[in-house]
Amino acid sequence: MSDTIDFVVEPGANDGFDAFSWSPTLSGIGSWQAAANFAGPPAAALSRMTMYVQALMMTNEFVFID
């Protein structure tokens, strides 16, 4: 059986951004750092075709200025 620890993060005075930089460290029998041990899966590398399509889409936004 395992235990669960829930952390609740609330917005501060300025909630204009959807991010936070709080990184707790849990210590006891062992030590766990949230930034190093509890990160999500790494982002997949983009293929050459995906990078090319993104470059074309950014060029369209650059060329046609409203």
PDB file of N, CA and C in Angstrom:
ATOM      1  N   MET A   1       0.856  -1.177   0.000  1.00  0.00           N
ATOM      2  CA  MET A   1       0.000   0.000   0.000  1.00  0.00           C
ATOM      3  C   MET A   1       0.899   1.237   0.000  1.00  0.00           C
ATOM      4  N   SER A   2       0.503   2.264  -0.726  1.00  0.00           N
ATOM      5  CA  SER A   2       1.306   3.484  -0.801  1.00  0.00           C
ATOM      6  C   SER A   2       0.505   4.671  -0.301  1.00  0.00           C
ATOM      7  N   ASP A   3       1.217   5.674   0.103  1.00  0.00           N
ATOM      8  CA  ASP A   3       0.596   6.906   0.579  1.00  0.00           C
ATOM      9  C   ASP A   3       0.577   7.941  -0.531  1.00  0.00           C
ATOM     10  N   THR A   4      -0.346   8.867  -0.409  1.00  0.00           N
ATOM     11  CA  THR A   4      -0.468   9.937  -1.393  1.00  0.00           C
ATOM     12  C   THR A   4      -0.342  11.280  -0.697  1.00  0.00           C
ATOM     13  N   ILE A   5       0.438  12.170  -1.285  1.00  0.00           N
ATOM     14  CA  ILE A   5       0.559  13.542  -0.790  1.00  0.00           C
ATOM     15  C   ILE A   5       0.060  14.452  -1.897  1.00  0.00           C
ATOM     16  N   ASP A   6      -0.933  15.257  -1.609  1.00  0.00           N
ATOM     17  CA  ASP A   6      -1.485  16.196  -2.582  1.00  0.00           C
ATOM     18  C   ASP A   6      -1.003  17.600  -2.258  1.00  0.00           C
ATOM     19  N   PHE A   7      -0.540  18.310  -3.270  1.00  0.00           N
ATOM     20  CA  PHE A   7      -0.163  19.712  -3.132  1.00  0.00           C
ATOM     21  C   PHE A   7      -1.173  20.532  -3.917  1.00  0.00           C
ATOM     22  N   VAL A   8      -1.697  21.568  -3.299  1.00  0.00           N
ATOM     23  CA  VAL A   8      -2.660  22.451  -3.944  1.00  0.00           C
ATOM     24  C   VAL A   8      -1.978  23.791  -4.169  1.00  0.00           C
ATOM     25  N   VAL A   9      -2.025  24.263  -5.403  1.00  0.00           N
ATOM     26  CA  VAL A   9      -1.401  25.532  -5.756  1.00  0.00           C
ATOM     27  C   VAL A   9      -2.510  26.498  -6.144  1.00  0.00           C
ATOM     28  N   GLU A  10      -2.527  27.658  -5.510  1.00  0.00           N
ATOM     29  CA  GLU A  10      -3.526  28.677  -5.811  1.00  0.00           C
ATOM     30  C   GLU A  10      -2.846  29.882  -6.447  1.00  0.00           C
ATOM     31  N   PRO A  11      -3.556  30.610  -7.295  1.00  0.00           N
ATOM     32  CA  PRO A  11      -2.951  31.792  -7.908  1.00  0.00           C
ATOM     33  C   PRO A  11      -2.712  32.882  -6.871  1.00  0.00           C
ATOM     34  N   GLY A  12      -1.674  33.646  -7.104  1.00  0.00           N
ATOM     35  CA  GLY A  12      -1.364  34.761  -6.217  1.00  0.00           C
ATOM     36  C   GLY A  12      -2.134  36.001  -6.624  1.00  0.00           C
ATOM     37  N   ALA A  13      -1.541  37.149  -6.410  1.00  0.00           N
ATOM     38  CA  ALA A  13      -2.197  38.411  -6.736  1.00  0.00           C
ATOM     39  C   ALA A  13      -2.373  38.573  -8.246  1.00  0.00           C
ATOM     40  N   ASN A  14      -1.420  38.051  -9.026  1.00  0.00           N
ATOM     41  CA  ASN A  14      -1.491  38.169 -10.481  1.00  0.00           C
ATOM     42  C   ASN A  14      -1.667  36.778 -11.066  1.00  0.00           C
ATOM     43  N   ASP A  15      -2.846  36.478 -11.573  1.00  0.00           N
ATOM     44  CA  ASP A  15      -3.086  35.169 -12.173  1.00  0.00           C
ATOM     45  C   ASP A  15      -3.081  35.238 -13.696  1.00  0.00           C
ATOM     46  N   GLY A  16      -2.251  36.118 -14.242  1.00  0.00           N
ATOM     47  CA  GLY A  16      -2.194  36.297 -15.682  1.00  0.00           C
ATOM     48  C   GLY A  16      -1.460  35.195 -16.417  1.00  0.00           C
ATOM     49  N   PHE A  17      -0.727  34.346 -15.720  1.00  0.00           N
ATOM     50  CA  PHE A  17       0.034  33.285 -16.368  1.00  0.00           C
ATOM     51  C   PHE A  17      -0.345  31.952 -15.763  1.00  0.00           C
ATOM     52  N   ASP A  18      -0.314  30.924 -16.570  1.00  0.00           N
ATOM     53  CA  ASP A  18      -0.676  29.583 -16.118  1.00  0.00           C
ATOM     54  C   ASP A  18       0.598  28.791 -15.821  1.00  0.00           C
ATOM     55  N   ALA A  19       1.367  29.268 -14.839  1.00  0.00           N
ATOM     56  CA  ALA A  19       2.605  28.593 -14.481  1.00  0.00           C
ATOM     57  C   ALA A  19       2.963  28.916 -13.037  1.00  0.00           C
ATOM     58  N   PHE A  20       3.794  28.087 -12.476  1.00  0.00           N
ATOM     59  CA  PHE A  20       4.325  28.352 -11.148  1.00  0.00           C
ATOM     60  C   PHE A  20       5.727  27.758 -11.069  1.00  0.00           C
ATOM     61  N   SER A  21       6.550  28.281 -10.187  1.00  0.00           N
ATOM     62  CA  SER A  21       7.930  27.813 -10.095  1.00  0.00           C
ATOM     63  C   SER A  21       8.226  27.194  -8.738  1.00  0.00           C
ATOM     64  N   TRP A  22       7.220  26.794  -8.013  1.00  0.00           N
ATOM     65  CA  TRP A  22       7.395  26.183  -6.711  1.00  0.00           C
ATOM     66  C   TRP A  22       7.842  24.744  -6.903  1.00  0.00           C
ATOM     67  N   SER A  23       8.919  24.361  -6.266  1.00  0.00           N
ATOM     68  CA  SER A  23       9.449  23.010  -6.396  1.00  0.00           C
ATOM     69  C   SER A  23       9.797  22.473  -5.009  1.00  0.00           C
ATOM     70  N   PRO A  24       8.860  21.751  -4.364  1.00  0.00           N
ATOM     71  CA  PRO A  24       9.122  21.274  -3.008  1.00  0.00           C
ATOM     72  C   PRO A  24      10.123  20.118  -2.977  1.00  0.00           C
ATOM     73  N   THR A  25      10.752  19.954  -1.825  1.00  0.00           N
ATOM     74  CA  THR A  25      11.627  18.820  -1.562  1.00  0.00           C
ATOM     75  C   THR A  25      11.066  18.071  -0.369  1.00  0.00           C
ATOM     76  N   LEU A  26      10.796  16.785  -0.535  1.00  0.00           N
ATOM     77  CA  LEU A  26      10.285  15.955   0.544  1.00  0.00           C
ATOM     78  C   LEU A  26      11.448  15.161   1.128  1.00  0.00           C
ATOM     79  N   SER A  27      11.532  15.151   2.445  1.00  0.00           N
ATOM     80  CA  SER A  27      12.609  14.386   3.071  1.00  0.00           C
ATOM     81  C   SER A  27      12.042  13.563   4.213  1.00  0.00           C
ATOM     82  N   GLY A  28      12.650  12.473   4.463  1.00  0.00           N
ATOM     83  CA  GLY A  28      12.242  11.522   5.497  1.00  0.00           C
ATOM     84  C   GLY A  28      13.240  10.396   5.465  1.00  0.00           C
ATOM     85  N   ILE A  29      12.778   9.205   5.088  1.00  0.00           N
ATOM     86  CA  ILE A  29      13.703   8.087   4.912  1.00  0.00           C
ATOM     87  C   ILE A  29      14.606   8.357   3.714  1.00  0.00           C
ATOM     88  N   GLY A  30      14.040   8.906   2.685  1.00  0.00           N
ATOM     89  CA  GLY A  30      14.793   9.302   1.495  1.00  0.00           C
ATOM     90  C   GLY A  30      14.521  10.769   1.219  1.00  0.00           C
ATOM     91  N   SER A  31      15.043  11.271   0.135  1.00  0.00           N
ATOM     92  CA  SER A  31      14.810  12.659  -0.243  1.00  0.00           C
ATOM     93  C   SER A  31      14.361  12.698  -1.695  1.00  0.00           C
ATOM     94  N   TRP A  32      13.289  13.402  -1.958  1.00  0.00           N
ATOM     95  CA  TRP A  32      12.747  13.516  -3.307  1.00  0.00           C
ATOM     96  C   TRP A  32      12.576  14.984  -3.647  1.00  0.00           C
ATOM     97  N   GLN A  33      13.114  15.383  -4.779  1.00  0.00           N
ATOM     98  CA  GLN A  33      12.957  16.744  -5.268  1.00  0.00           C
ATOM     99  C   GLN A  33      11.948  16.712  -6.405  1.00  0.00           C
ATOM    100  N   ALA A  34      10.929  17.545  -6.290  1.00  0.00           N
ATOM    101  CA  ALA A  34       9.843  17.524  -7.270  1.00  0.00           C
ATOM    102  C   ALA A  34      10.336  17.841  -8.678  1.00  0.00           C
ATOM    103  N   ALA A  35      11.257  18.781  -8.808  1.00  0.00           N
ATOM    104  CA  ALA A  35      11.720  19.165 -10.140  1.00  0.00           C
ATOM    105  C   ALA A  35      12.473  18.034 -10.837  1.00  0.00           C
ATOM    106  N   ALA A  36      13.219  17.246 -10.077  1.00  0.00           N
ATOM    107  CA  ALA A  36      14.032  16.195 -10.684  1.00  0.00           C
ATOM    108  C   ALA A  36      13.304  14.852 -10.766  1.00  0.00           C
ATOM    109  N   ASN A  37      12.497  14.525  -9.758  1.00  0.00           N
ATOM    110  CA  ASN A  37      11.937  13.184  -9.666  1.00  0.00           C
ATOM    111  C   ASN A  37      10.489  13.063 -10.102  1.00  0.00           C
ATOM    112  N   PHE A  38       9.752  14.144 -10.210  1.00  0.00           N
ATOM    113  CA  PHE A  38       8.330  14.065 -10.513  1.00  0.00           C
ATOM    114  C   PHE A  38       7.957  14.847 -11.752  1.00  0.00           C
ATOM    115  N   ALA A  39       8.821  14.921 -12.714  1.00  0.00           N
ATOM    116  CA  ALA A  39       8.531  15.641 -13.951  1.00  0.00           C
ATOM    117  C   ALA A  39       7.741  14.735 -14.892  1.00  0.00           C
ATOM    118  N   GLY A  40       7.051  15.338 -15.819  1.00  0.00           N
ATOM    119  CA  GLY A  40       6.307  14.572 -16.808  1.00  0.00           C
ATOM    120  C   GLY A  40       7.234  13.961 -17.837  1.00  0.00           C
ATOM    121  N   PRO A  41       6.684  13.254 -18.787  1.00  0.00           N
ATOM    122  CA  PRO A  41       7.527  12.634 -19.814  1.00  0.00           C
ATOM    123  C   PRO A  41       8.161  13.706 -20.700  1.00  0.00           C
ATOM    124  N   PRO A  42       9.342  13.450 -21.224  1.00  0.00           N
ATOM    125  CA  PRO A  42       9.987  14.441 -22.094  1.00  0.00           C
ATOM    126  C   PRO A  42       9.205  14.617 -23.394  1.00  0.00           C
ATOM    127  N   ALA A  43       9.269  15.794 -23.930  1.00  0.00           N
ATOM    128  CA  ALA A  43       8.570  16.083 -25.188  1.00  0.00           C
ATOM    129  C   ALA A  43       9.230  15.321 -26.332  1.00  0.00           C
ATOM    130  N   ALA A  44       8.419  14.831 -27.234  1.00  0.00           N
ATOM    131  CA  ALA A  44       8.945  14.099 -28.385  1.00  0.00           C
ATOM    132  C   ALA A  44       9.602  15.072 -29.353  1.00  0.00           C
ATOM    133  N   ALA A  45      10.674  14.628 -29.976  1.00  0.00           N
ATOM    134  CA  ALA A  45      11.364  15.463 -30.959  1.00  0.00           C
ATOM    135  C   ALA A  45      10.486  15.638 -32.195  1.00  0.00           C
ATOM    136  N   LEU A  46      10.537  16.826 -32.785  1.00  0.00           N
ATOM    137  CA  LEU A  46       9.741  17.095 -33.979  1.00  0.00           C
ATOM    138  C   LEU A  46      10.436  16.532 -35.211  1.00  0.00           C
ATOM    139  N   SER A  47       9.644  16.046 -36.137  1.00  0.00           N
ATOM    140  CA  SER A  47      10.208  15.547 -37.392  1.00  0.00           C
ATOM    141  C   SER A  47      10.571  16.727 -38.288  1.00  0.00           C
ATOM    142  N   ARG A  48      11.353  16.467 -39.297  1.00  0.00           N
ATOM    143  CA  ARG A  48      11.755  17.524 -40.242  1.00  0.00           C
ATOM    144  C   ARG A  48      10.525  18.125 -40.937  1.00  0.00           C
ATOM    145  N   MET A  49       9.561  17.281 -41.275  1.00  0.00           N
ATOM    146  CA  MET A  49       8.351  17.774 -41.950  1.00  0.00           C
ATOM    147  C   MET A  49       7.554  18.678 -41.023  1.00  0.00           C
ATOM    148  N   THR A  50       7.446  18.334 -39.750  1.00  0.00           N
ATOM    149  CA  THR A  50       6.715  19.167 -38.787  1.00  0.00           C
ATOM    150  C   THR A  50       7.400  20.514 -38.616  1.00  0.00           C
ATOM    151  N   MET A  51       8.727  20.520 -38.521  1.00  0.00           N
ATOM    152  CA  MET A  51       9.456  21.786 -38.397  1.00  0.00           C
ATOM    153  C   MET A  51       9.262  22.644 -39.649  1.00  0.00           C
ATOM    154  N   TYR A  52       9.259  22.018 -40.825  1.00  0.00           N
ATOM    155  CA  TYR A  52       9.061  22.736 -42.076  1.00  0.00           C
ATOM    156  C   TYR A  52       7.670  23.368 -42.128  1.00  0.00           C
ATOM    157  N   VAL A  53       6.642  22.616 -41.752  1.00  0.00           N
ATOM    158  CA  VAL A  53       5.271  23.135 -41.757  1.00  0.00           C
ATOM    159  C   VAL A  53       5.129  24.289 -40.770  1.00  0.00           C
ATOM    160  N   GLN A  54       5.728  24.180 -39.598  1.00  0.00           N
ATOM    161  CA  GLN A  54       5.673  25.275 -38.631  1.00  0.00           C
ATOM    162  C   GLN A  54       6.355  26.520 -39.174  1.00  0.00           C
ATOM    163  N   ALA A  55       7.485  26.353 -39.860  1.00  0.00           N
ATOM    164  CA  ALA A  55       8.173  27.496 -40.459  1.00  0.00           C
ATOM    165  C   ALA A  55       7.303  28.154 -41.526  1.00  0.00           C
ATOM    166  N   LEU A  56       6.614  27.356 -42.334  1.00  0.00           N
ATOM    167  CA  LEU A  56       5.719  27.916 -43.344  1.00  0.00           C
ATOM    168  C   LEU A  56       4.564  28.691 -42.713  1.00  0.00           C
ATOM    169  N   MET A  57       4.012  28.160 -41.637  1.00  0.00           N
ATOM    170  CA  MET A  57       2.901  28.842 -40.973  1.00  0.00           C
ATOM    171  C   MET A  57       3.361  30.155 -40.335  1.00  0.00           C
ATOM    172  N   MET A  58       4.548  30.179 -39.758  1.00  0.00           N
ATOM    173  CA  MET A  58       5.069  31.428 -39.188  1.00  0.00           C
ATOM    174  C   MET A  58       5.366  32.447 -40.278  1.00  0.00           C
ATOM    175  N   THR A  59       5.819  31.990 -41.454  1.00  0.00           N
ATOM    176  CA  THR A  59       6.067  32.904 -42.558  1.00  0.00           C
ATOM    177  C   THR A  59       4.779  33.561 -43.007  1.00  0.00           C
ATOM    178  N   ASN A  60       3.693  32.819 -43.048  1.00  0.00           N
ATOM    179  CA  ASN A  60       2.401  33.366 -43.432  1.00  0.00           C
ATOM    180  C   ASN A  60       1.992  34.479 -42.476  1.00  0.00           C
ATOM    181  N   GLU A  61       2.177  34.294 -41.174  1.00  0.00           N
ATOM    182  CA  GLU A  61       1.833  35.327 -40.203  1.00  0.00           C
ATOM    183  C   GLU A  61       2.731  36.550 -40.362  1.00  0.00           C
ATOM    184  N   PHE A  62       3.965  36.351 -40.750  1.00  0.00           N
ATOM    185  CA  PHE A  62       4.909  37.464 -40.908  1.00  0.00           C
ATOM    186  C   PHE A  62       4.625  38.276 -42.164  1.00  0.00           C
ATOM    187  N   VAL A  63       4.270  37.609 -43.256  1.00  0.00           N
ATOM    188  CA  VAL A  63       4.085  38.281 -44.544  1.00  0.00           C
ATOM    189  C   VAL A  63       2.793  39.095 -44.560  1.00  0.00           C
ATOM    190  N   PHE A  64       1.697  38.554 -44.054  1.00  0.00           N
ATOM    191  CA  PHE A  64       0.416  39.226 -44.113  1.00  0.00           C
ATOM    192  C   PHE A  64       0.124  39.917 -42.777  1.00  0.00           C
ATOM    193  N   ILE A  65       0.496  41.198 -42.697  1.00  0.00           N
ATOM    194  CA  ILE A  65       0.285  41.978 -41.483  1.00  0.00           C
ATOM    195  C   ILE A  65      -1.010  42.760 -41.649  1.00  0.00           C
ATOM    196  N   ASP A  66      -1.905  42.653 -40.669  1.00  0.00           N
ATOM    197  CA  ASP A  66      -3.181  43.385 -40.726  1.00  0.00           C
ATOM    198  C   ASP A  66      -2.993  44.814 -40.311  1.00  0.00           C
TER     199      ASP A  66
END
